[in-house]
Protein backbone atom coordinates (compact mmCIF):
# COMPACT_ATOMS: atom_id res chain seq x y z
CA MET A 1 -34.52 -14.75 -27.65
CA LYS A 2 -31.47 -14.62 -29.89
CA ILE A 3 -27.98 -14.56 -28.43
CA VAL A 4 -27.36 -11.14 -30.01
CA HIS A 5 -30.35 -9.66 -28.14
CA ARG A 6 -29.21 -11.23 -24.87
CA PHE A 7 -25.74 -9.80 -25.34
CA GLY A 8 -27.21 -6.37 -26.14
CA PHE A 9 -29.37 -6.36 -22.99
CA TYR A 10 -26.43 -7.51 -20.90
CA MET A 11 -24.13 -4.80 -22.26
CA GLY A 12 -26.86 -2.16 -21.80
CA GLY A 13 -27.34 -3.09 -18.13
CA PHE A 14 -23.61 -3.37 -17.56
CA SER A 15 -22.93 0.08 -19.03
CA ILE A 16 -25.73 1.66 -16.93
CA GLY A 17 -24.21 0.03 -13.83
CA LEU A 18 -20.78 1.43 -14.69
CA VAL A 19 -22.23 4.93 -15.10
CA PHE A 20 -23.87 4.67 -11.66
CA LEU A 21 -20.62 3.46 -10.07
CA ILE A 22 -18.62 6.26 -11.65
CA PHE A 23 -21.22 8.82 -10.51
CA PHE A 24 -21.41 7.58 -6.91
CA LEU A 25 -17.73 6.81 -6.38
CA SER A 26 -16.27 9.91 -8.00
CA GLY A 27 -14.52 12.19 -5.53
CA LYS A 28 -14.35 9.56 -2.80
CA LYS A 29 -11.15 8.01 -1.54
CA THR A 30 -11.81 4.51 -2.78
CA SER A 31 -9.13 2.02 -3.65
CA CYS A 32 -8.87 -1.62 -4.57
CA ALA A 33 -6.12 -3.37 -2.65
CA TYR A 34 -6.48 -6.99 -3.73
CA GLY A 35 -2.97 -8.40 -3.46
CA PRO A 36 -1.19 -9.09 -0.18
CA ASP A 37 1.50 -6.49 -1.00
CA ALA A 38 -1.08 -3.79 -1.60
CA ARG A 39 -3.07 -4.59 1.54
CA VAL A 40 -0.02 -4.49 3.82
CA LEU A 41 1.39 -1.32 2.26
CA LYS A 42 -2.01 0.39 2.50
CA ASN A 43 -2.24 -0.61 6.15
CA ILE A 44 1.22 0.84 6.83
CA ARG A 45 0.41 4.06 4.95
CA THR A 46 -2.74 4.69 7.01
CA LYS A 47 -0.77 4.77 10.26
CA LYS A 48 1.41 7.60 11.48
CA PRO A 49 4.99 6.45 10.97
CA GLN A 50 7.51 6.34 13.78
CA TYR A 51 11.23 6.13 13.17
CA SER A 52 14.07 4.31 14.88
CA THR A 53 17.11 6.34 15.92
CA SER A 54 19.11 5.37 12.82
CA VAL A 55 16.30 6.40 10.46
CA GLN A 56 15.74 9.60 12.47
CA GLU A 57 19.43 10.44 12.05
CA GLN A 58 19.09 10.00 8.27
CA LEU A 59 16.05 12.30 8.30
CA ASN A 60 17.90 14.91 10.37
CA ALA A 61 20.96 14.75 8.11
CA LYS A 62 18.69 15.37 5.09
CA ILE A 63 19.80 12.12 3.46
CA ILE A 64 16.14 11.30 2.92
CA ASP A 65 12.90 13.15 3.65
CA THR A 66 9.44 12.03 4.76
CA LEU A 67 7.93 12.72 1.33
CA THR A 68 10.34 10.22 -0.21
CA LEU A 69 9.43 7.69 2.47
CA HIS A 70 5.75 8.17 1.66
CA SER A 71 6.38 7.64 -2.06
CA ILE A 72 8.39 4.50 -1.29
CA PHE A 73 5.33 2.92 0.32
CA LYS A 74 3.26 3.66 -2.79
CA ASN A 75 5.65 1.98 -5.23
CA ALA A 76 7.30 -0.72 -3.11
CA ASP A 77 7.04 -4.48 -2.90
CA ILE A 78 7.16 -6.64 0.19
CA ASN A 79 9.53 -9.58 0.32
CA PHE A 80 7.45 -12.05 2.31
CA SER A 81 10.23 -14.65 2.39
CA LYS A 82 12.38 -12.27 4.49
CA SER A 83 9.44 -10.92 6.51
CA ASP A 84 8.18 -12.23 9.83
CA THR A 85 4.41 -12.23 9.37
CA LYS A 86 3.56 -14.50 12.27
CA SER A 87 5.03 -12.54 15.16
CA ALA A 88 2.69 -10.95 17.66
CA PRO A 89 1.67 -8.20 18.29
CA CYS A 90 3.86 -6.45 15.71
CA ARG A 91 4.62 -8.05 12.38
CA THR A 92 7.91 -7.28 10.67
CA TYR A 93 7.96 -6.66 6.91
CA TYR A 94 10.90 -6.32 4.54
CA VAL A 95 9.98 -3.57 2.06
CA GLU A 96 11.90 -3.26 -1.20
CA ALA A 97 11.77 -0.35 -3.63
CA GLU A 98 13.97 0.63 -6.58
CA LYS A 99 16.69 2.36 -4.56
CA TYR A 100 15.65 1.54 -0.99
CA GLU A 101 15.21 -1.36 1.37
CA MET A 102 13.42 -1.04 4.69
CA VAL A 103 12.43 -3.11 7.65
CA VAL A 104 9.06 -1.98 8.98
CA GLU A 105 7.40 -3.18 12.15
CA ASN A 106 3.64 -3.01 11.65
CA CYS A 107 1.92 -2.79 15.03
CA PRO A 108 -1.83 -2.46 15.62
CA LYS A 109 -1.65 1.31 16.24
CA ASP A 110 1.56 2.47 14.57
CA ALA A 111 4.18 1.55 11.98
CA ILE A 112 7.81 1.75 13.06
CA ILE A 113 10.49 2.05 10.39
CA LYS A 114 13.39 0.14 11.93
CA THR A 115 16.06 0.30 9.21
CA LEU A 116 16.43 2.13 5.93
CA ILE A 117 19.13 1.17 3.44
CA ILE A 118 19.80 3.32 0.39
CA LEU A 119 21.13 1.22 -2.48
């Protein structure tokens, strides 16, 4: 069999597989969190956030709102060199966004936002 025919069969099967994946996965909440940043941020987003007193004061004073906090976790990066990833049971992560820096304690059942600094 010629290489052109092999390539054609491969591409035909690959395209049929893509159509099936698009059909079955459309409308479902699927995501691909491959990097360590994405996995940790996704884990934090799935938990109901709790706030320290200083962050709660910022929320009450309308300096920042919960919608902004939620968007920070979608577009942020984690600075693993400043984070304490080996502590038990709650790991502490240093989250950096464009205008914000946070320290988040990621426990097994909840995520506690300890500090929030607006740059």
